[in-house]
Protein backbone atom coordinates (compact mmCIF):
# COMPACT_ATOMS: atom_id res chain seq x y z
CA UNK A 1 0.00 0.00 0.00
CA UNK A 2 1.32 3.44 -0.97
CA UNK A 3 1.84 6.00 1.77
CA UNK A 4 0.87 9.63 0.98
CA UNK A 5 1.83 12.53 3.26
CA UNK A 6 -1.23 14.24 4.77
CA UNK A 7 -0.12 17.70 3.57
CA UNK A 8 -0.50 16.46 -0.04
CA UNK A 9 -4.18 15.69 0.58
CA UNK A 10 -5.39 18.49 2.83
CA UNK A 11 -4.30 21.90 4.09
CA UNK A 12 -4.87 22.85 7.72
CA UNK A 13 -5.06 26.44 8.94
CA UNK A 14 -5.77 27.70 12.42
CA UNK A 15 -8.68 30.01 13.06
CA UNK A 16 -8.96 32.90 15.47
CA UNK A 17 -10.64 32.64 18.85
CA UNK A 18 -13.52 35.14 18.53
CA UNK A 19 -13.51 35.83 22.28
CA UNK A 20 -9.99 37.29 21.99
CA UNK A 21 -10.67 39.61 19.05
CA UNK A 22 -11.24 43.18 20.18
CA UNK A 23 -12.17 44.78 16.86
CA UNK A 24 -15.43 43.94 15.09
CA UNK A 25 -14.97 42.38 11.67
CA UNK A 26 -17.46 41.33 8.99
CA UNK A 27 -15.29 38.45 7.82
CA UNK A 28 -15.28 36.63 11.17
CA UNK A 29 -16.63 33.07 11.04
CA UNK A 30 -18.87 32.83 14.12
CA UNK A 31 -20.29 29.85 16.03
CA UNK A 32 -23.65 30.79 14.49
CA UNK A 33 -22.12 30.49 11.00
CA UNK A 34 -20.80 27.05 11.95
CA UNK A 35 -24.24 25.89 13.12
CA UNK A 36 -25.89 27.16 9.92
CA UNK A 37 -23.30 25.36 7.79
CA UNK A 38 -23.54 22.21 9.92
CA UNK A 39 -27.29 21.96 9.39
CA UNK A 40 -27.11 22.81 5.69
CA UNK A 41 -29.02 26.09 5.90
CA UNK A 42 -26.86 27.62 3.14
CA UNK A 43 -25.75 25.89 -0.06
CA UNK A 44 -22.22 24.54 -0.31
CA UNK A 45 -19.88 24.25 -3.26
CA UNK A 46 -17.48 21.38 -3.89
CA UNK A 47 -13.92 22.27 -2.97
CA UNK A 48 -14.86 25.09 -0.58
CA UNK A 49 -13.36 23.26 2.39
CA UNK A 50 -14.59 22.47 5.84
CA UNK A 51 -14.44 23.76 9.40
CA UNK A 52 -13.50 21.47 12.28
CA UNK A 53 -14.83 22.52 15.66
CA UNK A 54 -12.46 20.89 18.15
CA UNK A 55 -14.60 21.84 21.16
CA UNK A 56 -17.73 20.17 19.77
CA UNK A 57 -15.83 17.43 17.88
CA UNK A 58 -17.85 18.22 14.75
CA UNK A 59 -17.00 19.09 11.17
CA UNK A 60 -19.04 21.15 8.72
CA UNK A 61 -18.63 22.13 5.07
CA UNK A 62 -18.10 25.84 4.44
CA UNK A 63 -21.06 27.45 2.71
CA UNK A 64 -20.91 29.85 -0.22
CA UNK A 65 -22.24 32.59 2.10
CA UNK A 66 -18.79 33.08 3.66
């Protein structure tokens, strides 16, 4: 069986903790955005990526609304 390095399959980036951000920003991905994406409220597009919530141990596709 061939072994493929994980970084050739997926790219990981760290998000910002919204409780530590002092300035308001429109491009902040909120817990509410995560819940909407998790339950499929907005449409998703293939290749958009996904968000992993380590606290809830859940993963959600990123919607086109972001």
